[in-house]
């Protein structure tokens, strides 16, 4: 009987211990899972809006050189001091000039009249200067003589004329400057110079040793 009581006591004790263990488990509260917001790192503060990249500089193509201004005009008149006359005839920028005093001084020049600049040269000198639609001015050197000029534009029959011909087996070469009816020129016959005979502005001809010659208007 004593042994049976001992067994009963042990069983009761185990039952009581089991009940206490169960009760202890029932009273133990499982920890709550951390909130998602607590587990995640706080989002970084938004960075200030970056400035848009600067547009690349655009290199402008080089400006095209302005086309050269080529004129068609004839200027004529006397050099300063009136010692000689000068005419410059230009066609599309190509210039021919003649300086003459009707006696001893004469010279032909060829060059350009472009972008308001005169640049002509000849066997006996050169012409440099400037111009616009109405006037031409500059300096002319013919042999040992140097003149300055400031001359206006003229219209036919005023202008510059030149003749090259054979008259009675003689070589004829002449030049005429005509400005408002006034004529100045020199005629060479076989290399001998003399004052040029008058040019007939109506017919455009000149009589040389009894024969008619037709000079060419220049410009």
N, C-alpha and C. Protein backbone atom coordinates (compact mmCIF):
# COMPACT_ATOMS: atom_id res chain seq x y z
N UNK A 1 0.83 -1.18 0.00
CA UNK A 1 0.00 0.00 0.00
C UNK A 1 0.88 1.25 0.00
N UNK A 2 1.92 1.18 0.70
CA UNK A 2 2.82 2.32 0.75
C UNK A 2 3.41 2.63 -0.59
N UNK A 3 3.74 1.55 -1.33
CA UNK A 3 4.34 1.76 -2.67
C UNK A 3 3.34 2.34 -3.58
N UNK A 4 2.10 1.92 -3.49
CA UNK A 4 1.04 2.45 -4.34
C UNK A 4 0.83 3.90 -4.06
N UNK A 5 0.90 4.27 -2.86
CA UNK A 5 0.73 5.70 -2.53
C UNK A 5 1.84 6.53 -3.09
N UNK A 6 2.99 5.94 -3.08
CA UNK A 6 4.13 6.69 -3.65
C UNK A 6 3.95 6.93 -5.10
N UNK A 7 3.45 5.93 -5.81
CA UNK A 7 3.23 6.06 -7.25
C UNK A 7 2.19 7.10 -7.53
N UNK A 8 1.13 7.08 -6.71
CA UNK A 8 0.05 8.05 -6.92
C UNK A 8 0.58 9.45 -6.69
N UNK A 9 1.36 9.58 -5.67
CA UNK A 9 1.94 10.90 -5.36
C UNK A 9 2.77 11.39 -6.52
N UNK A 10 3.60 10.46 -7.16
CA UNK A 10 4.46 10.85 -8.29
C UNK A 10 3.63 11.27 -9.47
N UNK A 11 2.53 10.51 -9.70
CA UNK A 11 1.68 10.84 -10.84
C UNK A 11 1.05 12.18 -10.65
N UNK A 12 0.56 12.42 -9.43
CA UNK A 12 -0.07 13.71 -9.15
C UNK A 12 0.93 14.82 -9.33
N UNK A 13 2.16 14.54 -8.85
CA UNK A 13 3.20 15.59 -9.00
C UNK A 13 3.50 15.88 -10.44
N UNK A 14 3.58 14.84 -11.27
CA UNK A 14 3.87 15.05 -12.71
C UNK A 14 2.75 15.79 -13.37
N UNK A 15 1.52 15.43 -12.96
CA UNK A 15 0.37 16.11 -13.56
C UNK A 15 0.38 17.56 -13.20
N UNK A 16 0.69 17.81 -11.94
CA UNK A 16 0.73 19.22 -11.53
C UNK A 16 1.82 19.96 -12.24
N UNK A 17 3.00 19.28 -12.40
CA UNK A 17 4.09 19.95 -13.12
C UNK A 17 3.74 20.20 -14.55
N UNK A 18 3.03 19.22 -15.15
CA UNK A 18 2.63 19.44 -16.55
C UNK A 18 1.67 20.58 -16.66
N UNK A 19 0.77 20.70 -15.66
CA UNK A 19 -0.17 21.80 -15.72
C UNK A 19 0.52 23.12 -15.58
N UNK A 20 1.50 23.19 -14.71
CA UNK A 20 2.23 24.44 -14.55
C UNK A 20 2.98 24.80 -15.81
N UNK A 21 3.56 23.79 -16.50
CA UNK A 21 4.32 24.06 -17.73
C UNK A 21 3.41 24.58 -18.81
N UNK A 22 2.18 23.93 -18.83
CA UNK A 22 1.22 24.40 -19.84
C UNK A 22 0.77 25.80 -19.54
N UNK A 23 0.52 26.04 -18.24
CA UNK A 23 0.08 27.38 -17.88
C UNK A 23 1.14 28.40 -18.18
N UNK A 24 2.42 28.02 -17.93
CA UNK A 24 3.53 28.97 -18.21
C UNK A 24 3.62 29.26 -19.68
N UNK A 25 3.42 28.22 -20.50
CA UNK A 25 3.45 28.45 -21.96
C UNK A 25 2.32 29.33 -22.40
N UNK A 26 1.16 29.15 -21.76
CA UNK A 26 0.00 29.94 -22.15
C UNK A 26 0.21 31.39 -21.80
N UNK A 27 0.91 31.66 -20.70
CA UNK A 27 1.12 33.04 -20.27
C UNK A 27 2.25 33.73 -21.04
N UNK A 28 3.13 32.97 -21.70
CA UNK A 28 4.26 33.57 -22.44
C UNK A 28 3.76 34.10 -23.77
N UNK A 29 3.94 35.41 -24.01
CA UNK A 29 3.45 36.06 -25.24
C UNK A 29 4.59 36.13 -26.26
N UNK A 30 4.32 35.61 -27.41
CA UNK A 30 5.36 35.66 -28.47
C UNK A 30 5.60 37.09 -28.89
N UNK A 31 6.84 37.47 -29.09
CA UNK A 31 7.12 38.87 -29.51
C UNK A 31 6.55 39.16 -30.88
N UNK A 32 5.99 40.36 -31.02
CA UNK A 32 5.41 40.77 -32.30
C UNK A 32 6.51 41.00 -33.34
N UNK A 33 6.21 40.60 -34.51
CA UNK A 33 7.22 40.88 -35.56
C UNK A 33 7.37 42.39 -35.75
N UNK A 34 8.60 42.80 -36.01
CA UNK A 34 8.85 44.24 -36.21
C UNK A 34 8.10 44.73 -37.41
N UNK A 35 7.57 45.94 -37.30
CA UNK A 35 6.82 46.53 -38.43
C UNK A 35 7.74 46.69 -39.62
N UNK A 36 7.09 46.57 -40.76
CA UNK A 36 7.89 46.66 -42.00
C UNK A 36 8.64 47.97 -42.07
N UNK A 37 7.97 49.03 -41.56
CA UNK A 37 8.61 50.33 -41.63
C UNK A 37 9.83 50.41 -40.75
N UNK A 38 9.85 49.56 -39.64
CA UNK A 38 10.98 49.58 -38.75
C UNK A 38 12.15 48.80 -39.30
N UNK A 39 11.83 47.74 -40.10
CA UNK A 39 12.89 46.91 -40.66
C UNK A 39 13.57 47.56 -41.85
N UNK A 40 12.84 48.41 -42.58
CA UNK A 40 13.41 49.02 -43.78
C UNK A 40 14.07 50.34 -43.43
N UNK A 41 15.19 50.61 -44.13
CA UNK A 41 15.86 51.89 -43.92
C UNK A 41 15.01 53.01 -44.46
N UNK A 42 15.03 54.13 -43.78
CA UNK A 42 14.23 55.29 -44.22
C UNK A 42 14.72 55.74 -45.59
N UNK A 43 13.77 56.04 -46.48
CA UNK A 43 14.18 56.46 -47.84
C UNK A 43 15.00 57.75 -47.76
N UNK A 44 16.00 57.81 -48.68
CA UNK A 44 16.85 59.01 -48.70
C UNK A 44 16.06 60.20 -49.17
N UNK A 45 16.39 61.32 -48.61
CA UNK A 45 15.70 62.56 -49.01
C UNK A 45 15.95 62.81 -50.49
N UNK A 46 14.93 63.23 -51.22
CA UNK A 46 15.12 63.46 -52.66
C UNK A 46 16.16 64.55 -52.89
N UNK A 47 17.05 64.24 -53.85
CA UNK A 47 18.08 65.23 -54.17
C UNK A 47 17.46 66.36 -54.96
N UNK A 48 18.02 67.55 -54.83
CA UNK A 48 17.46 68.68 -55.59
C UNK A 48 17.55 68.40 -57.09
N UNK A 49 16.56 68.87 -57.80
CA UNK A 49 16.52 68.62 -59.24
C UNK A 49 17.77 69.17 -59.91
N UNK A 50 18.47 68.30 -60.62
CA UNK A 50 19.71 68.73 -61.28
C UNK A 50 19.38 69.64 -62.44
N UNK A 51 20.24 70.64 -62.68
CA UNK A 51 20.06 71.53 -63.83
C UNK A 51 20.28 70.75 -65.11
N UNK A 52 19.44 70.98 -66.11
CA UNK A 52 19.64 70.25 -67.37
C UNK A 52 20.98 70.65 -67.97
N UNK A 53 21.65 69.71 -68.62
CA UNK A 53 22.96 70.04 -69.20
C UNK A 53 22.82 71.16 -70.22
N UNK A 54 23.82 72.03 -70.24
CA UNK A 54 23.78 73.15 -71.19
C UNK A 54 23.87 72.62 -72.61
N UNK A 55 23.10 73.25 -73.47
CA UNK A 55 23.12 72.84 -74.88
C UNK A 55 24.51 73.09 -75.44
N UNK A 56 25.01 72.15 -76.23
CA UNK A 56 26.34 72.35 -76.81
C UNK A 56 26.39 73.58 -77.68
N UNK A 57 27.50 74.28 -77.60
CA UNK A 57 27.65 75.49 -78.42
C UNK A 57 27.63 75.12 -79.89
N UNK A 58 26.89 75.90 -80.62
CA UNK A 58 26.78 75.66 -82.06
C UNK A 58 27.75 76.58 -82.78
N UNK A 59 28.66 75.99 -83.50
CA UNK A 59 29.62 76.79 -84.26
C UNK A 59 29.01 77.20 -85.57
N UNK A 60 28.89 78.51 -85.75
CA UNK A 60 28.30 79.01 -86.97
C UNK A 60 29.29 78.85 -88.12
N UNK A 61 28.79 78.45 -89.28
CA UNK A 61 29.70 78.33 -90.42
C UNK A 61 30.24 79.70 -90.79
N UNK A 62 31.47 79.75 -91.25
CA UNK A 62 32.04 81.06 -91.60
C UNK A 62 31.23 81.73 -92.67
N UNK A 63 31.06 83.04 -92.52
CA UNK A 63 30.28 83.78 -93.50
C UNK A 63 30.97 83.71 -94.86
N UNK A 64 30.19 83.53 -95.87
CA UNK A 64 30.74 83.47 -97.21
C UNK A 64 31.25 84.84 -97.61
N UNK A 65 32.40 84.83 -98.23
CA UNK A 65 32.96 86.10 -98.68
C UNK A 65 31.99 86.77 -99.64
N UNK A 66 31.83 88.02 -99.42
CA UNK A 66 30.92 88.76 -100.28
C UNK A 66 31.45 88.79 -101.70
N UNK A 67 30.54 88.56 -102.62
CA UNK A 67 30.96 88.56 -104.02
C UNK A 67 31.53 89.91 -104.41
N UNK A 68 32.57 89.87 -105.21
CA UNK A 68 33.19 91.10 -105.64
C UNK A 68 32.23 91.90 -106.50
N UNK A 69 32.21 93.19 -106.25
CA UNK A 69 31.34 94.08 -107.01
C UNK A 69 32.04 94.48 -108.30
N UNK A 70 31.49 94.04 -109.41
CA UNK A 70 32.09 94.33 -110.71
C UNK A 70 31.18 95.31 -111.45
N UNK A 71 31.76 96.42 -111.85
CA UNK A 71 30.96 97.50 -112.43
C UNK A 71 31.22 97.62 -113.92
N UNK A 72 30.31 98.31 -114.59
CA UNK A 72 30.48 98.70 -115.99
C UNK A 72 30.18 100.18 -116.06
N UNK A 73 31.23 101.00 -116.29
CA UNK A 73 31.08 102.44 -116.25
C UNK A 73 32.31 103.06 -116.92
N UNK A 74 32.17 104.32 -117.35
CA UNK A 74 33.32 105.07 -117.86
C UNK A 74 33.38 106.41 -117.14
N UNK A 75 34.56 106.73 -116.62
CA UNK A 75 34.80 108.03 -116.01
C UNK A 75 35.76 108.81 -116.90
N UNK A 76 35.60 110.11 -116.97
CA UNK A 76 36.50 110.91 -117.80
C UNK A 76 36.58 112.34 -117.32
N UNK A 77 37.72 112.99 -117.60
CA UNK A 77 37.90 114.39 -117.21
C UNK A 77 39.36 114.76 -117.22
N UNK A 78 39.66 115.90 -116.65
CA UNK A 78 41.03 116.39 -116.59
C UNK A 78 41.67 116.04 -115.26
N UNK A 79 42.99 115.86 -115.29
CA UNK A 79 43.71 115.68 -114.03
C UNK A 79 43.74 117.03 -113.31
N UNK A 80 44.04 117.03 -112.06
CA UNK A 80 44.11 118.28 -111.32
C UNK A 80 45.23 119.15 -111.89
N UNK A 81 44.90 120.38 -112.15
CA UNK A 81 45.84 121.28 -112.79
C UNK A 81 45.56 121.40 -114.28
N UNK A 82 44.77 120.45 -114.84
CA UNK A 82 44.38 120.55 -116.24
C UNK A 82 45.47 120.28 -117.25
N UNK A 83 46.59 119.70 -116.83
CA UNK A 83 47.70 119.48 -117.75
C UNK A 83 47.46 118.32 -118.71
N UNK A 84 46.58 117.42 -118.36
CA UNK A 84 46.28 116.27 -119.21
C UNK A 84 44.85 115.81 -118.92
N UNK A 85 44.37 114.92 -119.77
CA UNK A 85 43.05 114.33 -119.56
C UNK A 85 43.21 112.84 -119.28
N UNK A 86 42.22 112.28 -118.61
CA UNK A 86 42.24 110.85 -118.28
C UNK A 86 40.84 110.29 -118.46
N UNK A 87 40.78 109.08 -118.99
CA UNK A 87 39.52 108.34 -119.08
C UNK A 87 39.76 106.91 -118.63
N UNK A 88 38.82 106.38 -117.88
CA UNK A 88 38.89 105.00 -117.40
C UNK A 88 37.59 104.31 -117.80
N UNK A 89 37.71 103.32 -118.66
CA UNK A 89 36.54 102.59 -119.13
C UNK A 89 36.54 101.20 -118.50
N UNK A 90 35.40 100.82 -117.90
CA UNK A 90 35.32 99.56 -117.17
C UNK A 90 34.15 98.73 -117.69
N UNK A 91 34.39 97.46 -117.92
CA UNK A 91 33.33 96.53 -118.30
C UNK A 91 33.46 95.28 -117.45
N UNK A 92 32.44 95.05 -116.59
CA UNK A 92 32.43 93.89 -115.68
C UNK A 92 33.72 93.81 -114.86
N UNK A 93 34.18 94.95 -114.38
CA UNK A 93 35.33 94.98 -113.50
C UNK A 93 36.68 95.05 -114.19
N UNK A 94 36.71 94.84 -115.52
CA UNK A 94 37.97 94.93 -116.27
C UNK A 94 38.12 96.37 -116.76
N UNK A 95 39.26 96.98 -116.44
CA UNK A 95 39.43 98.41 -116.69
C UNK A 95 40.56 98.68 -117.69
N UNK A 96 40.30 99.67 -118.57
CA UNK A 96 41.30 100.20 -119.49
C UNK A 96 41.31 101.71 -119.32
N UNK A 97 42.49 102.29 -119.23
CA UNK A 97 42.58 103.73 -119.02
C UNK A 97 43.59 104.34 -119.99
N UNK A 98 43.39 105.63 -120.23
CA UNK A 98 44.27 106.37 -121.14
C UNK A 98 44.50 107.76 -120.56
N UNK A 99 45.74 108.17 -120.54
CA UNK A 99 46.12 109.51 -120.10
C UNK A 99 46.79 110.20 -121.27
N UNK A 100 46.38 111.43 -121.56
CA UNK A 100 46.91 112.11 -122.74
C UNK A 100 46.83 113.62 -122.55
N UNK A 101 47.86 114.33 -123.03
CA UNK A 101 47.81 115.80 -123.01
C UNK A 101 47.66 116.36 -124.42
N UNK A 102 47.49 115.47 -125.42
CA UNK A 102 47.31 115.93 -126.80
C UNK A 102 48.60 116.33 -127.48
N UNK A 103 49.72 116.13 -126.80
CA UNK A 103 50.99 116.56 -127.38
C UNK A 103 52.10 115.53 -127.16
N UNK A 104 52.59 115.46 -125.92
CA UNK A 104 53.72 114.58 -125.65
C UNK A 104 53.41 113.47 -124.67
N UNK A 105 52.52 113.73 -123.76
CA UNK A 105 52.24 112.75 -122.70
C UNK A 105 51.07 111.87 -123.11
N UNK A 106 51.30 110.56 -123.12
CA UNK A 106 50.22 109.61 -123.31
C UNK A 106 50.65 108.27 -122.74
N UNK A 107 49.70 107.54 -122.22
CA UNK A 107 50.00 106.22 -121.67
C UNK A 107 48.69 105.43 -121.56
N UNK A 108 48.79 104.12 -121.85
CA UNK A 108 47.66 103.20 -121.72
C UNK A 108 47.89 102.31 -120.50
N UNK A 109 46.78 101.96 -119.85
CA UNK A 109 46.85 101.12 -118.65
C UNK A 109 45.73 100.08 -118.72
N UNK A 110 45.97 98.97 -118.05
CA UNK A 110 44.95 97.93 -117.97
C UNK A 110 44.98 97.31 -116.58
N UNK A 111 43.81 96.94 -116.07
CA UNK A 111 43.74 96.34 -114.74
C UNK A 111 42.31 96.07 -114.33
N UNK A 112 41.99 96.41 -113.09
CA UNK A 112 40.66 96.11 -112.55
C UNK A 112 40.08 97.31 -111.81
N UNK A 113 38.76 97.31 -111.76
CA UNK A 113 38.00 98.24 -110.92
C UNK A 113 36.97 97.38 -110.19
N UNK A 114 37.36 96.91 -109.02
CA UNK A 114 36.56 95.93 -108.27
C UNK A 114 36.50 96.35 -106.81
N UNK A 115 35.30 96.19 -106.21
CA UNK A 115 35.11 96.50 -104.79
C UNK A 115 35.62 97.89 -104.43
N UNK A 116 35.32 98.85 -105.32
CA UNK A 116 35.61 100.27 -105.11
C UNK A 116 37.11 100.59 -105.10
N UNK A 117 37.92 99.71 -105.68
CA UNK A 117 39.36 99.96 -105.75
C UNK A 117 39.84 99.90 -107.19
N UNK A 118 40.67 100.88 -107.58
CA UNK A 118 41.28 100.91 -108.90
C UNK A 118 42.70 100.36 -108.81
N UNK A 119 43.04 99.47 -109.73
CA UNK A 119 44.40 98.92 -109.77
C UNK A 119 44.74 98.63 -111.23
N UNK A 120 45.47 99.54 -111.87
CA UNK A 120 45.83 99.41 -113.27
C UNK A 120 47.33 99.64 -113.44
N UNK A 121 47.89 99.02 -114.46
CA UNK A 121 49.31 99.20 -114.74
C UNK A 121 49.55 99.22 -116.24
N UNK A 122 50.66 99.83 -116.65
CA UNK A 122 51.03 99.89 -118.05
C UNK A 122 52.53 99.99 -118.20
N UNK A 123 52.99 100.05 -119.44
CA UNK A 123 54.44 100.14 -119.68
C UNK A 123 55.05 101.41 -119.10
N UNK A 124 54.24 102.45 -118.98
CA UNK A 124 54.80 103.74 -118.56
C UNK A 124 54.39 104.17 -117.16
N UNK A 125 53.69 103.30 -116.42
CA UNK A 125 53.29 103.72 -115.08
C UNK A 125 52.15 102.89 -114.53
N UNK A 126 51.37 103.52 -113.65
CA UNK A 126 50.26 102.81 -113.00
C UNK A 126 49.21 103.80 -112.54
N UNK A 127 48.04 103.25 -112.23
CA UNK A 127 46.93 104.02 -111.67
C UNK A 127 46.43 103.31 -110.42
N UNK A 128 46.29 104.06 -109.35
CA UNK A 128 45.67 103.53 -108.14
C UNK A 128 44.63 104.52 -107.66
N UNK A 129 43.61 104.01 -107.00
CA UNK A 129 42.57 104.92 -106.50
C UNK A 129 41.34 104.18 -106.05
N UNK A 130 40.26 104.92 -105.96
CA UNK A 130 38.98 104.38 -105.53
C UNK A 130 37.87 104.94 -106.41
N UNK A 131 36.68 104.35 -106.26
CA UNK A 131 35.57 104.81 -107.09
C UNK A 131 34.23 104.47 -106.46
N UNK A 132 33.20 105.13 -106.96
CA UNK A 132 31.82 104.72 -106.71
C UNK A 132 31.08 104.86 -108.04
N UNK A 133 29.77 104.79 -108.00
CA UNK A 133 29.02 104.83 -109.25
C UNK A 133 29.19 106.14 -110.00
N UNK A 134 29.47 107.20 -109.28
CA UNK A 134 29.50 108.52 -109.91
C UNK A 134 30.89 109.06 -110.18
N UNK A 135 31.89 108.67 -109.36
CA UNK A 135 33.21 109.30 -109.51
C UNK A 135 34.33 108.29 -109.29
N UNK A 136 35.48 108.65 -109.85
CA UNK A 136 36.72 107.91 -109.61
C UNK A 136 37.80 108.91 -109.26
N UNK A 137 38.63 108.55 -108.31
CA UNK A 137 39.70 109.46 -107.92
C UNK A 137 40.93 108.65 -107.52
N UNK A 138 42.10 109.28 -107.70
CA UNK A 138 43.32 108.59 -107.35
C UNK A 138 44.54 109.28 -107.92
N UNK A 139 45.56 108.47 -108.21
CA UNK A 139 46.83 108.97 -108.71
C UNK A 139 47.24 108.18 -109.94
N UNK A 140 47.75 108.88 -110.94
CA UNK A 140 48.25 108.24 -112.15
C UNK A 140 49.68 108.69 -112.40
N UNK A 141 50.53 107.70 -112.68
CA UNK A 141 51.92 107.98 -113.06
C UNK A 141 52.11 107.57 -114.50
N UNK A 142 52.54 108.51 -115.34
CA UNK A 142 52.79 108.25 -116.76
C UNK A 142 54.19 108.75 -117.09
N UNK A 143 55.12 107.81 -117.21
CA UNK A 143 56.50 108.21 -117.42
C UNK A 143 57.03 108.97 -116.22
N UNK A 144 57.52 110.18 -116.47
CA UNK A 144 58.05 110.99 -115.38
C UNK A 144 57.00 111.87 -114.73
N UNK A 145 55.80 111.83 -115.26
CA UNK A 145 54.73 112.69 -114.75
C UNK A 145 53.82 111.92 -113.79
N UNK A 146 53.43 112.59 -112.72
CA UNK A 146 52.46 112.02 -111.78
C UNK A 146 51.36 113.04 -111.55
N UNK A 147 50.12 112.57 -111.71
CA UNK A 147 48.96 113.46 -111.56
C UNK A 147 47.98 112.85 -110.58
N UNK A 148 47.18 113.71 -109.98
CA UNK A 148 46.02 113.24 -109.22
C UNK A 148 44.77 113.59 -110.02
N UNK A 149 43.72 112.84 -109.78
CA UNK A 149 42.49 113.08 -110.54
C UNK A 149 41.26 112.81 -109.67
N UNK A 150 40.19 113.45 -110.05
CA UNK A 150 38.87 113.25 -109.45
C UNK A 150 37.88 113.51 -110.57
N UNK A 151 37.42 112.45 -111.23
CA UNK A 151 36.64 112.58 -112.46
C UNK A 151 35.28 111.91 -112.32
N UNK A 152 34.33 112.39 -113.12
CA UNK A 152 32.97 111.87 -113.03
C UNK A 152 32.63 110.88 -114.11
N UNK A 153 31.53 110.16 -113.90
CA UNK A 153 31.05 109.20 -114.89
C UNK A 153 30.49 109.95 -116.10
N UNK A 154 30.72 109.39 -117.29
CA UNK A 154 30.25 110.01 -118.53
C UNK A 154 29.43 109.01 -119.33
N UNK A 155 28.66 109.55 -120.27
CA UNK A 155 27.85 108.70 -121.15
C UNK A 155 28.19 108.99 -122.60
N UNK A 156 28.01 107.96 -123.43
CA UNK A 156 28.29 108.13 -124.86
C UNK A 156 27.46 109.28 -125.43
N UNK A 157 28.06 110.02 -126.38
CA UNK A 157 29.32 109.73 -127.07
C UNK A 157 30.58 110.10 -126.31
N UNK A 158 30.46 110.67 -125.10
CA UNK A 158 31.66 110.87 -124.30
C UNK A 158 32.24 109.51 -123.92
N UNK A 159 33.53 109.48 -123.71
CA UNK A 159 34.15 108.22 -123.32
C UNK A 159 35.55 108.08 -123.86
N UNK A 160 35.99 106.84 -123.97
CA UNK A 160 37.35 106.51 -124.39
C UNK A 160 37.28 105.71 -125.69
N UNK A 161 38.12 106.12 -126.66
CA UNK A 161 38.14 105.46 -127.97
C UNK A 161 39.58 105.09 -128.31
N UNK A 162 39.72 103.97 -129.05
CA UNK A 162 41.05 103.55 -129.49
C UNK A 162 40.96 103.01 -130.91
N UNK A 163 42.00 103.29 -131.70
CA UNK A 163 42.02 102.82 -133.09
C UNK A 163 43.35 102.16 -133.39
N UNK A 164 43.28 101.04 -134.10
CA UNK A 164 44.47 100.37 -134.63
C UNK A 164 44.14 99.97 -136.05
N UNK A 165 44.94 100.45 -137.02
CA UNK A 165 44.61 100.20 -138.42
C UNK A 165 45.85 100.31 -139.29
N UNK A 166 45.68 99.89 -140.54
CA UNK A 166 46.71 100.08 -141.57
C UNK A 166 46.17 101.11 -142.57
N UNK A 167 46.91 102.19 -142.75
CA UNK A 167 46.51 103.23 -143.69
C UNK A 167 47.66 103.46 -144.66
N UNK A 168 47.42 103.11 -145.92
CA UNK A 168 48.47 103.25 -146.94
C UNK A 168 49.78 102.60 -146.50
N UNK A 169 49.65 101.36 -146.03
CA UNK A 169 50.79 100.56 -145.58
C UNK A 169 51.48 101.10 -144.35
N UNK A 170 50.86 102.06 -143.70
CA UNK A 170 51.41 102.59 -142.45
C UNK A 170 50.58 102.08 -141.27
N UNK A 171 51.26 101.75 -140.18
CA UNK A 171 50.57 101.29 -138.99
C UNK A 171 50.08 102.49 -138.20
N UNK A 172 48.78 102.52 -137.96
CA UNK A 172 48.16 103.65 -137.26
C UNK A 172 47.65 103.18 -135.91
N UNK A 173 47.97 103.95 -134.91
CA UNK A 173 47.45 103.68 -133.56
C UNK A 173 47.09 105.00 -132.92
N UNK A 174 45.89 105.08 -132.38
CA UNK A 174 45.46 106.35 -131.78
C UNK A 174 44.55 106.16 -130.60
N UNK A 175 44.46 107.21 -129.77
CA UNK A 175 43.56 107.19 -128.63
C UNK A 175 42.88 108.54 -128.49
N UNK A 176 41.61 108.52 -128.07
CA UNK A 176 40.83 109.75 -127.90
C UNK A 176 40.10 109.72 -126.56
N UNK A 177 40.13 110.83 -125.87
CA UNK A 177 39.30 111.02 -124.68
C UNK A 177 38.29 112.09 -125.03
N UNK A 178 37.02 111.76 -124.90
CA UNK A 178 35.95 112.69 -125.23
C UNK A 178 35.11 112.92 -123.97
N UNK A 179 35.03 114.19 -123.56
CA UNK A 179 34.23 114.54 -122.38
C UNK A 179 33.42 115.78 -122.71
N UNK A 180 32.11 115.58 -122.81
CA UNK A 180 31.18 116.68 -123.10
C UNK A 180 31.61 117.48 -124.33
N UNK A 181 31.94 116.75 -125.39
CA UNK A 181 32.30 117.39 -126.66
C UNK A 181 33.75 117.78 -126.79
N UNK A 182 34.48 117.86 -125.70
CA UNK A 182 35.91 118.21 -125.76
C UNK A 182 36.71 116.95 -126.02
N UNK A 183 37.65 117.03 -126.98
CA UNK A 183 38.44 115.87 -127.36
C UNK A 183 39.93 116.11 -127.14
N UNK A 184 40.60 115.10 -126.66
CA UNK A 184 42.05 115.12 -126.52
C UNK A 184 42.56 113.76 -127.00
N UNK A 185 43.58 113.76 -127.85
CA UNK A 185 44.11 112.49 -128.32
C UNK A 185 45.45 112.62 -129.01
N UNK A 186 46.11 111.49 -129.19
CA UNK A 186 47.37 111.43 -129.92
C UNK A 186 47.28 110.28 -130.92
N UNK A 187 47.77 110.51 -132.10
CA UNK A 187 47.78 109.52 -133.17
C UNK A 187 49.22 109.21 -133.54
N UNK A 188 49.54 107.92 -133.61
CA UNK A 188 50.86 107.50 -134.07
C UNK A 188 50.73 106.88 -135.45
N UNK A 189 51.56 107.33 -136.37
CA UNK A 189 51.61 106.75 -137.72
C UNK A 189 53.03 106.25 -137.92
N UNK A 190 53.17 104.92 -137.97
CA UNK A 190 54.49 104.28 -138.04
C UNK A 190 55.41 104.77 -136.93
N UNK A 191 54.82 104.90 -135.73
CA UNK A 191 55.60 105.24 -134.54
C UNK A 191 55.86 106.71 -134.34
N UNK A 192 55.40 107.55 -135.25
CA UNK A 192 55.60 108.99 -135.11
C UNK A 192 54.31 109.61 -134.55
N UNK A 193 54.40 110.24 -133.38
CA UNK A 193 53.21 110.77 -132.71
C UNK A 193 52.89 112.17 -133.19
N UNK A 194 51.58 112.45 -133.24
CA UNK A 194 51.08 113.78 -133.58
C UNK A 194 49.70 113.93 -132.95
N UNK A 195 49.24 115.16 -132.82
CA UNK A 195 47.88 115.34 -132.28
C UNK A 195 46.87 114.60 -133.15
N UNK A 196 45.94 113.95 -132.48
CA UNK A 196 44.95 113.16 -133.22
C UNK A 196 43.94 114.06 -133.91
N UNK A 197 43.54 113.71 -135.14
CA UNK A 197 42.47 114.47 -135.80
C UNK A 197 41.16 114.26 -135.06
N UNK A 198 40.23 115.18 -135.27
CA UNK A 198 38.96 115.13 -134.54
C UNK A 198 38.15 113.90 -134.91
N UNK A 199 37.57 113.31 -133.91
CA UNK A 199 36.69 112.16 -134.08
C UNK A 199 35.28 112.66 -134.38
N UNK A 200 34.70 112.16 -135.46
CA UNK A 200 33.33 112.53 -135.80
C UNK A 200 32.38 111.73 -134.91
N UNK A 201 31.77 112.40 -133.95
CA UNK A 201 30.93 111.71 -132.98
C UNK A 201 29.61 111.24 -133.58
N UNK A 202 29.24 111.78 -134.74
CA UNK A 202 28.00 111.35 -135.39
C UNK A 202 28.19 110.02 -136.10
N UNK A 203 29.28 109.92 -136.84
CA UNK A 203 29.55 108.68 -137.59
C UNK A 203 30.46 107.72 -136.84
N UNK A 204 31.15 108.23 -135.81
CA UNK A 204 32.08 107.40 -135.07
C UNK A 204 33.35 107.10 -135.84
N UNK A 205 33.70 107.97 -136.81
CA UNK A 205 34.89 107.74 -137.63
C UNK A 205 35.85 108.92 -137.54
N UNK A 206 37.08 108.68 -138.02
CA UNK A 206 38.09 109.73 -138.07
C UNK A 206 38.83 109.57 -139.41
N UNK A 207 39.24 110.69 -139.97
CA UNK A 207 39.96 110.65 -141.24
C UNK A 207 41.46 110.74 -140.99
N UNK A 208 42.18 109.73 -141.46
CA UNK A 208 43.64 109.67 -141.29
C UNK A 208 44.27 109.60 -142.68
N UNK A 209 45.01 110.66 -143.04
CA UNK A 209 45.67 110.72 -144.34
C UNK A 209 44.72 110.39 -145.49
N UNK A 210 43.52 110.97 -145.40
CA UNK A 210 42.56 110.81 -146.49
C UNK A 210 41.72 109.55 -146.41
N UNK A 211 41.94 108.71 -145.46
CA UNK A 211 41.14 107.49 -145.33
C UNK A 211 40.39 107.49 -144.01
N UNK A 212 39.21 106.88 -144.04
CA UNK A 212 38.41 106.81 -142.81
C UNK A 212 38.80 105.62 -141.97
N UNK A 213 38.93 105.87 -140.70
CA UNK A 213 39.21 104.84 -139.71
C UNK A 213 38.12 104.91 -138.66
N UNK A 214 37.68 103.74 -138.22
CA UNK A 214 36.63 103.70 -137.20
C UNK A 214 37.21 103.24 -135.87
N UNK A 215 37.43 104.16 -134.94
CA UNK A 215 37.93 103.78 -133.62
C UNK A 215 36.88 102.96 -132.85
N UNK A 216 37.36 102.19 -131.91
CA UNK A 216 36.49 101.35 -131.08
C UNK A 216 36.20 102.04 -129.75
N UNK A 217 34.92 102.23 -129.41
CA UNK A 217 34.61 102.77 -128.07
C UNK A 217 34.88 101.70 -127.03
N UNK A 218 35.54 102.06 -125.97
CA UNK A 218 35.90 101.12 -124.91
C UNK A 218 34.93 101.25 -123.74
N UNK A 219 34.80 100.16 -123.02
CA UNK A 219 33.92 100.16 -121.85
C UNK A 219 32.52 99.71 -122.18
